[in-house]
Amino acid sequence: MQELSRLVDFVTKSNWLILAMAACVSLAVASHEVYLGVISGGLIVAVNFHVLKRTIKNSLSPERVSEKGSSLLGNLLVKYYIRFVISGILIFLLISNHIVHPLGLLAGLSVVVASIFLATMLVLTKILFKEAV
């Protein structure tokens, strides 16, 4: 369980690092709208991931699990869908008002995917080199 917690913490931290690197690259290479899209999309998913992590941690605490009369899964799903709807509304407003470029937004929204991919590669490398020794 501690390994899983360290992995989630790694993904959370790498979200912000990848977002910062993507923002710097888009600022240097692309237009202002693309840069705003990368920043906006990255902020949406990084904050969303952080809130999801906190929600799950709070919902699965021993005090919360031992409570009677409340559905843990129901509470998690309600909060998940609320975040999903808010994210969808933000994305719709950003694109429909032409504040950001859709490709820049897509690149920003891919920050968490890139972090999870990086974490997966690190874990696989660790496993493969452990078996090789």
C-alpha atoms as a PDB file:
ATOM      1  CA  MET A   1       0.000   0.000   0.000  1.00  0.00           C
ATOM      2  CA  GLN A   2       2.878   2.340   0.735  1.00  0.00           C
ATOM      3  CA  GLU A   3       4.260   1.676  -2.759  1.00  0.00           C
ATOM      4  CA  LEU A   4       0.925   2.696  -4.274  1.00  0.00           C
ATOM      5  CA  SER A   5       0.849   5.867  -2.192  1.00  0.00           C
ATOM      6  CA  ARG A   6       4.350   6.792  -3.361  1.00  0.00           C
ATOM      7  CA  LEU A   7       3.328   6.138  -6.960  1.00  0.00           C
ATOM      8  CA  VAL A   8       0.278   8.415  -6.685  1.00  0.00           C
ATOM      9  CA  ASP A   9       2.424  11.114  -5.063  1.00  0.00           C
ATOM     10  CA  PHE A  10       4.911  10.787  -7.925  1.00  0.00           C
ATOM     11  CA  VAL A  11       2.137  11.230 -10.489  1.00  0.00           C
ATOM     12  CA  THR A  12       0.793  14.254  -8.607  1.00  0.00           C
ATOM     13  CA  LYS A  13       4.200  15.953  -8.524  1.00  0.00           C
ATOM     14  CA  SER A  14       5.097  15.052 -12.084  1.00  0.00           C
ATOM     15  CA  ASN A  15       1.774  16.548 -13.264  1.00  0.00           C
ATOM     16  CA  TRP A  16       2.984  19.968 -12.211  1.00  0.00           C
ATOM     17  CA  LEU A  17       6.484  19.479 -13.641  1.00  0.00           C
ATOM     18  CA  ILE A  18       5.192  18.291 -17.008  1.00  0.00           C
ATOM     19  CA  LEU A  19       2.695  21.164 -17.071  1.00  0.00           C
ATOM     20  CA  ALA A  20       5.491  23.673 -16.404  1.00  0.00           C
ATOM     21  CA  MET A  21       7.672  22.176 -19.149  1.00  0.00           C
ATOM     22  CA  ALA A  22       4.779  22.076 -21.639  1.00  0.00           C
ATOM     23  CA  ALA A  23       3.901  25.683 -20.817  1.00  0.00           C
ATOM     24  CA  CYS A  24       7.471  26.818 -21.400  1.00  0.00           C
ATOM     25  CA  VAL A  25       7.693  24.989 -24.718  1.00  0.00           C
ATOM     26  CA  SER A  26       4.324  26.306 -25.915  1.00  0.00           C
ATOM     27  CA  LEU A  27       5.231  29.845 -24.884  1.00  0.00           C
ATOM     28  CA  ALA A  28       8.440  29.674 -26.898  1.00  0.00           C
ATOM     29  CA  VAL A  29       7.065  27.882 -29.960  1.00  0.00           C
ATOM     30  CA  ALA A  30       3.346  28.529 -30.347  1.00  0.00           C
ATOM     31  CA  SER A  31       0.823  31.348 -30.346  1.00  0.00           C
ATOM     32  CA  HIS A  32      -0.735  32.953 -27.296  1.00  0.00           C
ATOM     33  CA  GLU A  33      -3.978  30.970 -27.709  1.00  0.00           C
ATOM     34  CA  VAL A  34      -2.094  27.645 -27.784  1.00  0.00           C
ATOM     35  CA  TYR A  35      -0.122  28.653 -24.695  1.00  0.00           C
ATOM     36  CA  LEU A  36      -3.342  29.540 -22.860  1.00  0.00           C
ATOM     37  CA  GLY A  37      -4.818  26.212 -23.979  1.00  0.00           C
ATOM     38  CA  VAL A  38      -1.884  24.245 -22.582  1.00  0.00           C
ATOM     39  CA  ILE A  39      -2.022  26.122 -19.284  1.00  0.00           C
ATOM     40  CA  SER A  40      -5.818  25.876 -18.995  1.00  0.00           C
ATOM     41  CA  GLY A  41      -6.011  22.203 -19.878  1.00  0.00           C
ATOM     42  CA  GLY A  42      -3.106  21.320 -17.627  1.00  0.00           C
ATOM     43  CA  LEU A  43      -4.606  23.201 -14.703  1.00  0.00           C
ATOM     44  CA  ILE A  44      -7.997  21.563 -15.197  1.00  0.00           C
ATOM     45  CA  VAL A  45      -6.634  18.012 -15.138  1.00  0.00           C
ATOM     46  CA  ALA A  46      -3.932  18.558 -12.519  1.00  0.00           C
ATOM     47  CA  VAL A  47      -6.387  20.118 -10.073  1.00  0.00           C
ATOM     48  CA  ASN A  48      -8.955  17.457 -10.943  1.00  0.00           C
ATOM     49  CA  PHE A  49      -6.420  14.678 -10.236  1.00  0.00           C
ATOM     50  CA  HIS A  50      -5.386  16.313  -6.952  1.00  0.00           C
ATOM     51  CA  VAL A  51      -9.008  16.645  -5.805  1.00  0.00           C
ATOM     52  CA  LEU A  52      -9.702  13.035  -6.809  1.00  0.00           C
ATOM     53  CA  LYS A  53      -6.714  11.882  -4.759  1.00  0.00           C
ATOM     54  CA  ARG A  54      -7.900  13.849  -1.731  1.00  0.00           C
ATOM     55  CA  THR A  55     -11.497  12.657  -2.118  1.00  0.00           C
ATOM     56  CA  ILE A  56     -10.480   9.004  -2.251  1.00  0.00           C
ATOM     57  CA  LYS A  57      -8.081   9.390   0.671  1.00  0.00           C
ATOM     58  CA  ASN A  58     -10.778  11.057   2.813  1.00  0.00           C
ATOM     59  CA  SER A  59     -13.489   8.616   1.775  1.00  0.00           C
ATOM     60  CA  LEU A  60     -11.393   5.561   2.577  1.00  0.00           C
ATOM     61  CA  SER A  61     -10.174   6.741   5.965  1.00  0.00           C
ATOM     62  CA  PRO A  62     -10.892   4.282   8.819  1.00  0.00           C
ATOM     63  CA  GLU A  63     -13.351   6.672  10.488  1.00  0.00           C
ATOM     64  CA  ARG A  64     -15.328   7.143   7.282  1.00  0.00           C
ATOM     65  CA  VAL A  65     -15.374   3.445   6.407  1.00  0.00           C
ATOM     66  CA  SER A  66     -16.685   2.490   9.849  1.00  0.00           C
ATOM     67  CA  GLU A  67     -19.643   4.925   9.590  1.00  0.00           C
ATOM     68  CA  LYS A  68     -23.003   3.274   9.128  1.00  0.00           C
ATOM     69  CA  GLY A  69     -25.787   4.508   6.903  1.00  0.00           C
ATOM     70  CA  SER A  70     -23.770   6.160   4.151  1.00  0.00           C
ATOM     71  CA  SER A  71     -22.644   4.760   0.831  1.00  0.00           C
ATOM     72  CA  LEU A  72     -18.950   5.286   0.134  1.00  0.00           C
ATOM     73  CA  LEU A  73     -19.293   4.386  -3.510  1.00  0.00           C
ATOM     74  CA  GLY A  74     -22.303   6.667  -3.934  1.00  0.00           C
ATOM     75  CA  ASN A  75     -20.465   9.630  -2.405  1.00  0.00           C
ATOM     76  CA  LEU A  76     -17.391   9.006  -4.553  1.00  0.00           C
ATOM     77  CA  LEU A  77     -19.456   8.751  -7.734  1.00  0.00           C
ATOM     78  CA  VAL A  78     -21.447  11.905  -6.987  1.00  0.00           C
ATOM     79  CA  LYS A  79     -18.255  13.895  -6.383  1.00  0.00           C
ATOM     80  CA  TYR A  80     -16.678  12.374  -9.493  1.00  0.00           C
ATOM     81  CA  TYR A  81     -19.578  13.381 -11.713  1.00  0.00           C
ATOM     82  CA  ILE A  82     -19.721  16.869 -10.212  1.00  0.00           C
ATOM     83  CA  ARG A  83     -16.022  17.345 -11.082  1.00  0.00           C
ATOM     84  CA  PHE A  84     -16.645  15.856 -14.538  1.00  0.00           C
ATOM     85  CA  VAL A  85     -19.505  18.273 -15.270  1.00  0.00           C
ATOM     86  CA  ILE A  86     -17.547  21.280 -13.990  1.00  0.00           C
ATOM     87  CA  SER A  87     -14.559  20.295 -16.143  1.00  0.00           C
ATOM     88  CA  GLY A  88     -16.802  19.854 -19.170  1.00  0.00           C
ATOM     89  CA  ILE A  89     -18.394  23.268 -18.655  1.00  0.00           C
ATOM     90  CA  LEU A  90     -14.967  24.909 -18.307  1.00  0.00           C
ATOM     91  CA  ILE A  91     -13.693  23.236 -21.466  1.00  0.00           C
ATOM     92  CA  PHE A  92     -16.848  24.215 -23.366  1.00  0.00           C
ATOM     93  CA  LEU A  93     -16.570  27.847 -22.263  1.00  0.00           C
ATOM     94  CA  LEU A  94     -12.874  28.045 -23.119  1.00  0.00           C
ATOM     95  CA  ILE A  95     -13.397  26.675 -26.631  1.00  0.00           C
ATOM     96  CA  SER A  96     -16.734  28.331 -27.470  1.00  0.00           C
ATOM     97  CA  ASN A  97     -15.518  31.781 -26.458  1.00  0.00           C
ATOM     98  CA  HIS A  98     -12.314  31.284 -28.509  1.00  0.00           C
ATOM     99  CA  ILE A  99     -10.120  31.906 -25.476  1.00  0.00           C
ATOM    100  CA  VAL A 100      -7.865  28.928 -26.173  1.00  0.00           C
ATOM    101  CA  HIS A 101      -6.833  26.868 -29.179  1.00  0.00           C
ATOM    102  CA  PRO A 102      -8.396  23.381 -29.050  1.00  0.00           C
ATOM    103  CA  LEU A 103      -5.098  21.612 -29.830  1.00  0.00           C
ATOM    104  CA  GLY A 104      -3.332  23.508 -27.056  1.00  0.00           C
ATOM    105  CA  LEU A 105      -6.149  22.568 -24.697  1.00  0.00           C
ATOM    106  CA  LEU A 106      -5.836  18.936 -25.757  1.00  0.00           C
ATOM    107  CA  ALA A 107      -2.104  19.037 -25.100  1.00  0.00           C
ATOM    108  CA  GLY A 108      -2.731  20.490 -21.655  1.00  0.00           C
ATOM    109  CA  LEU A 109      -5.387  17.909 -20.884  1.00  0.00           C
ATOM    110  CA  SER A 110      -2.814  15.202 -21.660  1.00  0.00           C
ATOM    111  CA  VAL A 111      -0.587  16.156 -18.719  1.00  0.00           C
ATOM    112  CA  VAL A 112      -1.974  13.495 -16.379  1.00  0.00           C
ATOM    113  CA  VAL A 113      -1.750  10.861 -19.111  1.00  0.00           C
ATOM    114  CA  ALA A 114       1.906  11.737 -19.628  1.00  0.00           C
ATOM    115  CA  SER A 115       2.545  11.558 -15.868  1.00  0.00           C
ATOM    116  CA  ILE A 116       0.896   8.148 -15.581  1.00  0.00           C
ATOM    117  CA  PHE A 117       2.847   6.928 -18.620  1.00  0.00           C
ATOM    118  CA  LEU A 118       6.099   8.150 -17.041  1.00  0.00           C
ATOM    119  CA  ALA A 119       5.253   6.454 -13.746  1.00  0.00           C
ATOM    120  CA  THR A 120       4.451   3.217 -15.588  1.00  0.00           C
ATOM    121  CA  MET A 121       7.758   3.306 -17.432  1.00  0.00           C
ATOM    122  CA  LEU A 122       9.648   3.862 -14.179  1.00  0.00           C
ATOM    123  CA  VAL A 123       7.879   0.971 -12.447  1.00  0.00           C
ATOM    124  CA  LEU A 124       8.432  -1.356 -15.416  1.00  0.00           C
ATOM    125  CA  THR A 125      12.104  -0.390 -15.568  1.00  0.00           C
ATOM    126  CA  LYS A 126      12.449  -1.063 -11.854  1.00  0.00           C
ATOM    127  CA  ILE A 127      10.780  -4.472 -12.207  1.00  0.00           C
ATOM    128  CA  LEU A 128      12.813  -5.488 -15.259  1.00  0.00           C
ATOM    129  CA  PHE A 129      16.155  -4.486 -13.754  1.00  0.00           C
ATOM    130  CA  LYS A 130      15.225  -6.170 -10.462  1.00  0.00           C
ATOM    131  CA  GLU A 131      14.546  -9.433 -12.306  1.00  0.00           C
ATOM    132  CA  ALA A 132      17.740  -9.118 -14.355  1.00  0.00           C
ATOM    133  CA  VAL A 133      19.921  -9.058 -11.238  1.00  0.00           C
END
